[in-house]
Every structure is written in structure tokens, then in C-alpha cells.
Amino acid sequence: MTFAEKVITFYSGLNYAGPLPSGVSIMNPFANNPDVLKLAGEFYTRFCSDHDTRFIILGINPGRFGAGATGIPFTDTKRLNEKCGIRFDKFRTHEPSSSFIYEMIDAYGGVYDFYKKFYFSAVCPLGFTRENEKGKAVNYNYYDSPLLTRMVCRFIIENLKKQLDFGIDTSIGFCLGTGKNENFLRRINAECKFFKKIIALEHPRYIMQYKTRSKQMYIEKYLDALRRCDS
């Protein structure tokens, strides 16, 4: 199987059937929206139809306007259309994290060069939502409550193992999020020995929300870290 076929097969069967804390719901874009698996299939077929080894970059978990809408981590519909050349017009989403990531990808050399070497995923491959005080569903991270973290920990470990079998170079694992996401990944890595080394980078959402004036500096920081894989 090609790298793309392994990814598509993985997401086609991805499911969480375990318990969740009261008020928290699972967000599985591959099961909830028939367009998502089609879009993801087109994306991975375009960029990953080979047998190359890639490095994995792990975010937190899918958000409603990025991977929760397209099935592709850090890729909203705007970037899917404008940067990836995959037309989708049923609805439009804009995610600041996606904007940062694709500026970084452009600086790296463009989508084909980038996705030939790197594979985006998330520590937890499915997302979560909860209702806020206005009754609106909002994103909820796997680490936002200790109870949720405990409930999904085995699910996270099992699915990370599956993804490493796609053909991932485990000499370096990249983590987006230098707080709770990094701490959790380092903890399970100490137990499971997924990666020889973990490099953590500030999460794009944090950069776009709090550090936009320093955005170019963070792009350079990402590039410096990712280019360690060139040696």
C-alpha cells in the first residue's frame, strides 16, 4: 500500500466507542460528514501516493473549522482550495491556525515539497466538543479535563502506534503546543518509546492569537526545526 492508502484506510476505520465525561461529545468528521473522507482521500492521493518515509507533526486534536471540516489537519476549506488545488464549495471555513501553517509551508517550498516529507496528525486523532453557557458547541481538547485525558489515553496510544506504521521516521517527532500537549506526549513517549527525540513548537493558534506581530519569527523557528530532518 502507498502512504496515501494507509492514511485513508486508517481514517476510514477511525472510531471512538469509549466513555466520555458528561457534557462532552466526540467529533468524528469521517463518520459524521460523507464529504470529509472524499476530501481527505483526494488530498492524500494527490500528495502522498508514494512509499516515502515521512516525519510526523502532531497537533492537539481536530478543531471544528480545520480538520473537523475537511478531515485534513491544519487545513481549512480556504487553504484546501487556494493552496492545495482541491475544489470544494459546499461550505467555507477559515481557521487562523491553517493560515499560519500554509504561510510556513509556502516558505518551506510549497505543498508538494512539504507533504512529501511531513505528515500532519494530532496526538488525539478525533476531536471533542462541549456546550458553552449559550448552548453552542465549542472545541474541547483532550487535555481540558483530567477525566477526559484518562478516558482517551489508551485510544491515543493505540492510534499513534498505527500511524507510525505508515512509514514514519521516528528519529524525531514534532509536537505543536509547548504546554499540556507537549507534556502529555512526552509522558506517553517515555512509556512507549515512540520517538528518539521530540521537538516542540508553539501551536499556530497561540501564535495567531497572541503573537501575530512576531509571526515571521515563528515561521523561521518552524523552518529551522523542520530542516533538521534534511541532515
Protein backbone atom coordinates (compact mmCIF):
# COMPACT_ATOMS: atom_id res chain seq x y z
CA MET A 1 0.00 0.00 0.00
CA THR A 2 1.13 3.57 -0.63
CA PHE A 3 1.45 6.06 2.20
CA ALA A 4 -1.81 7.65 1.00
CA GLU A 5 -3.67 4.34 1.01
CA LYS A 6 -2.52 3.62 4.56
CA VAL A 7 -3.74 7.04 5.75
CA ILE A 8 -7.11 6.71 4.01
CA THR A 9 -7.63 3.21 5.41
CA PHE A 10 -6.79 4.46 8.89
CA TYR A 11 -9.25 7.33 8.81
CA SER A 12 -11.96 5.17 7.20
CA GLY A 13 -11.98 2.93 10.26
CA LEU A 14 -11.29 5.51 12.94
CA ASN A 15 -13.81 5.35 15.76
CA TYR A 16 -14.02 6.00 19.47
CA ALA A 17 -16.62 3.99 21.36
CA GLY A 18 -15.39 4.53 24.91
CA PRO A 19 -16.85 6.65 27.69
CA LEU A 20 -16.76 10.44 27.80
CA PRO A 21 -17.31 12.93 30.62
CA SER A 22 -20.79 14.35 30.99
CA GLY A 23 -21.42 17.16 28.50
CA VAL A 24 -18.52 16.22 26.21
CA SER A 25 -19.17 14.82 22.73
CA ILE A 26 -16.87 13.14 20.25
CA MET A 27 -16.26 14.89 16.93
CA ASN A 28 -15.54 12.36 14.21
CA PRO A 29 -15.59 14.20 10.86
CA PHE A 30 -15.00 10.96 8.94
CA ALA A 31 -18.17 9.39 10.31
CA ASN A 32 -20.37 12.49 10.51
CA ASN A 33 -19.88 14.04 7.06
CA PRO A 34 -19.62 11.96 3.86
CA ASP A 35 -17.73 14.79 2.11
CA VAL A 36 -14.84 14.60 4.57
CA LEU A 37 -13.49 11.18 3.69
CA LYS A 38 -13.77 12.06 -0.01
CA LEU A 39 -11.82 15.29 0.51
CA ALA A 40 -9.19 13.58 2.66
CA GLY A 41 -8.87 10.83 0.07
CA GLU A 42 -8.30 13.34 -2.70
CA PHE A 43 -5.76 15.25 -0.61
CA TYR A 44 -3.66 12.25 0.42
CA THR A 45 -3.85 10.70 -3.02
CA ARG A 46 -2.54 13.92 -4.51
CA PHE A 47 0.33 14.47 -2.08
CA CYS A 48 1.21 11.06 -0.62
CA SER A 49 0.80 8.43 -3.34
CA ASP A 50 4.27 7.00 -2.82
CA HIS A 51 6.24 4.79 -0.47
CA ASP A 52 8.38 7.56 1.03
CA THR A 53 9.16 7.87 4.72
CA ARG A 54 7.80 10.98 6.42
CA PHE A 55 8.18 12.78 9.73
CA ILE A 56 5.03 13.23 11.79
CA ILE A 57 3.91 16.60 13.18
CA LEU A 58 1.36 16.23 15.95
CA GLY A 59 -1.17 18.88 16.87
CA ILE A 60 -3.68 18.53 19.70
CA ASN A 61 -6.92 17.19 18.23
CA PRO A 62 -9.13 18.23 15.30
CA GLY A 63 -10.92 21.57 15.60
CA ARG A 64 -14.32 22.32 14.11
CA PHE A 65 -13.06 24.62 11.35
CA GLY A 66 -9.88 22.81 10.34
CA ALA A 67 -9.65 19.03 10.32
CA GLY A 68 -13.15 18.85 11.77
CA ALA A 69 -14.46 20.29 8.50
CA THR A 70 -12.02 18.89 5.92
CA GLY A 71 -10.54 15.81 7.58
CA ILE A 72 -7.05 17.23 6.98
CA PRO A 73 -5.13 18.63 9.96
CA PHE A 74 -4.48 22.38 9.84
CA THR A 75 -6.25 22.69 6.50
CA ASP A 76 -9.45 24.72 6.30
CA THR A 77 -11.53 24.90 3.12
CA LYS A 78 -9.89 28.19 2.11
CA ARG A 79 -6.42 26.64 2.07
CA LEU A 80 -7.78 23.45 0.53
CA ASN A 81 -8.98 25.48 -2.45
CA GLU A 82 -6.26 28.10 -2.73
CA LYS A 83 -3.12 26.21 -1.72
CA CYS A 84 -3.86 22.54 -2.36
CA GLY A 85 -5.80 22.92 -5.61
CA ILE A 86 -8.73 20.84 -4.36
CA ARG A 87 -12.02 22.48 -5.16
CA PHE A 88 -14.72 22.40 -2.51
CA ASP A 89 -17.59 24.87 -2.48
CA LYS A 90 -20.33 23.33 -0.32
CA PHE A 91 -19.26 25.47 2.63
CA ARG A 92 -16.29 27.65 3.59
CA THR A 93 -14.20 27.67 6.72
CA HIS A 94 -11.38 29.92 7.81
CA GLU A 95 -9.05 28.87 10.62
CA PRO A 96 -6.18 31.13 11.74
CA SER A 97 -4.01 28.08 12.51
CA SER A 98 -4.37 26.97 8.89
CA SER A 99 -3.36 30.42 7.69
CA PHE A 100 -0.11 30.25 9.68
CA ILE A 101 0.68 26.69 8.64
CA TYR A 102 0.29 27.40 4.95
CA GLU A 103 2.41 30.54 5.15
CA MET A 104 5.06 28.31 6.70
CA ILE A 105 4.56 25.67 4.00
CA ASP A 106 4.98 28.32 1.29
CA ALA A 107 8.23 29.41 2.91
CA TYR A 108 9.39 25.81 3.09
CA GLY A 109 8.96 25.36 -0.65
CA GLY A 110 5.27 24.70 -1.25
CA VAL A 111 2.77 21.95 -0.65
CA TYR A 112 4.38 19.26 -2.79
CA ASP A 113 7.81 19.61 -1.21
CA PHE A 114 6.35 19.84 2.28
CA TYR A 115 3.89 16.94 2.16
CA LYS A 116 6.46 14.69 0.51
CA LYS A 117 8.44 14.89 3.74
CA PHE A 118 5.95 15.63 6.53
CA TYR A 119 2.63 14.21 7.68
CA PHE A 120 0.33 16.23 9.93
CA SER A 121 -1.74 14.44 12.53
CA ALA A 122 -2.79 15.05 16.13
CA VAL A 123 -1.98 13.49 19.46
CA CYS A 124 -5.67 12.60 19.63
CA PRO A 125 -6.90 11.90 16.07
CA LEU A 126 -10.53 12.72 16.89
CA GLY A 127 -11.85 15.93 18.39
CA PHE A 128 -14.30 16.86 21.10
CA THR A 129 -16.93 19.50 21.74
CA ARG A 130 -18.94 20.68 24.69
CA GLU A 131 -21.81 23.13 25.02
CA ASN A 132 -20.99 26.55 26.40
CA GLU A 133 -23.29 28.61 28.59
CA LYS A 134 -25.18 29.78 25.48
CA GLY A 135 -25.82 26.23 24.33
CA LYS A 136 -23.34 26.46 21.47
CA ALA A 137 -20.91 23.64 20.70
CA VAL A 138 -17.30 24.74 21.17
CA ASN A 139 -13.98 22.95 20.76
CA TYR A 140 -12.77 20.93 23.71
CA ASN A 141 -9.25 19.50 23.91
CA TYR A 142 -8.38 16.01 25.13
CA TYR A 143 -6.36 17.57 27.98
CA ASP A 144 -9.02 20.06 29.10
CA SER A 145 -10.08 17.74 31.90
CA PRO A 146 -8.03 15.05 33.64
CA LEU A 147 -11.02 12.70 33.36
CA LEU A 148 -11.20 13.02 29.57
CA THR A 149 -7.44 12.55 29.30
CA ARG A 150 -7.63 9.31 31.29
CA MET A 151 -10.59 8.05 29.27
CA VAL A 152 -8.95 8.55 25.88
CA CYS A 153 -5.32 7.79 26.78
CA ARG A 154 -5.37 4.19 25.53
CA PHE A 155 -7.19 5.27 22.36
CA ILE A 156 -4.48 7.88 21.73
CA ILE A 157 -1.63 5.41 22.22
CA GLU A 158 -3.18 2.72 20.04
CA ASN A 159 -3.83 5.09 17.15
CA LEU A 160 -0.43 6.74 17.34
CA LYS A 161 1.13 3.28 17.03
CA LYS A 162 -0.99 2.60 13.96
CA GLN A 163 0.11 5.83 12.29
CA LEU A 164 3.80 5.21 12.94
CA ASP A 165 3.38 2.06 10.85
CA PHE A 166 2.52 4.16 7.78
CA GLY A 167 6.22 4.72 7.22
CA ILE A 168 7.13 7.37 9.80
CA ASP A 169 10.72 8.28 10.60
CA THR A 170 10.72 8.10 14.39
CA SER A 171 14.13 9.70 14.93
CA ILE A 172 12.26 12.98 15.51
CA GLY A 173 8.64 13.61 16.41
CA PHE A 174 7.30 17.16 16.19
CA CYS A 175 4.77 18.44 18.70
CA LEU A 176 2.70 21.59 18.16
CA GLY A 177 1.93 23.00 21.58
CA THR A 178 4.58 23.70 24.20
CA GLY A 179 2.34 23.29 27.24
CA LYS A 180 -0.10 20.50 28.03
CA ASN A 181 0.16 18.85 24.61
CA GLU A 182 3.93 18.59 24.86
CA ASN A 183 3.79 17.38 28.46
CA PHE A 184 1.33 14.61 27.63
CA LEU A 185 3.22 13.49 24.52
CA ARG A 186 6.50 13.35 26.42
CA ARG A 187 4.84 11.30 29.15
CA ILE A 188 3.48 8.64 26.82
CA ASN A 189 6.69 8.70 24.78
CA ALA A 190 8.65 7.86 27.93
CA GLU A 191 6.40 4.83 28.33
CA CYS A 192 6.05 3.74 24.70
CA LYS A 193 9.32 4.93 23.13
CA PHE A 194 7.61 6.29 20.01
CA PHE A 195 10.35 8.82 19.15
CA LYS A 196 14.04 9.12 19.89
CA LYS A 197 13.59 12.88 20.17
CA ILE A 198 10.62 15.24 20.45
CA ILE A 199 10.83 18.83 19.20
CA ALA A 200 8.03 21.05 20.49
CA LEU A 201 6.95 24.23 18.73
CA GLU A 202 4.43 26.87 19.70
CA HIS A 203 0.95 26.00 18.50
CA PRO A 204 -0.24 28.02 15.46
CA ARG A 205 -3.40 29.06 17.28
CA TYR A 206 -1.34 30.58 20.10
CA ILE A 207 0.87 32.38 17.59
CA MET A 208 -2.05 33.81 15.64
CA GLN A 209 -3.98 34.81 18.75
CA TYR A 210 -1.19 36.31 20.87
CA LYS A 211 1.97 36.70 18.78
CA THR A 212 0.89 37.89 15.35
CA ARG A 213 3.48 40.69 15.34
CA SER A 214 6.16 38.02 15.69
CA LYS A 215 4.62 35.65 13.16
CA GLN A 216 7.59 35.73 10.79
CA MET A 217 9.93 34.86 13.63
CA TYR A 218 7.82 31.80 14.43
CA ILE A 219 7.75 30.76 10.78
CA GLU A 220 11.54 30.85 10.79
CA LYS A 221 11.58 28.87 14.03
CA TYR A 222 9.40 26.19 12.42
CA LEU A 223 11.61 26.08 9.34
CA ASP A 224 14.78 25.79 11.39
CA ALA A 225 13.31 22.86 13.31
CA LEU A 226 11.89 21.05 10.29
CA ARG A 227 15.09 21.43 8.31
CA ARG A 228 16.87 19.35 10.92
CA CYS A 229 15.27 16.47 9.06
CA ASP A 230 17.34 17.31 5.96
CA SER A 231 20.56 16.07 7.52
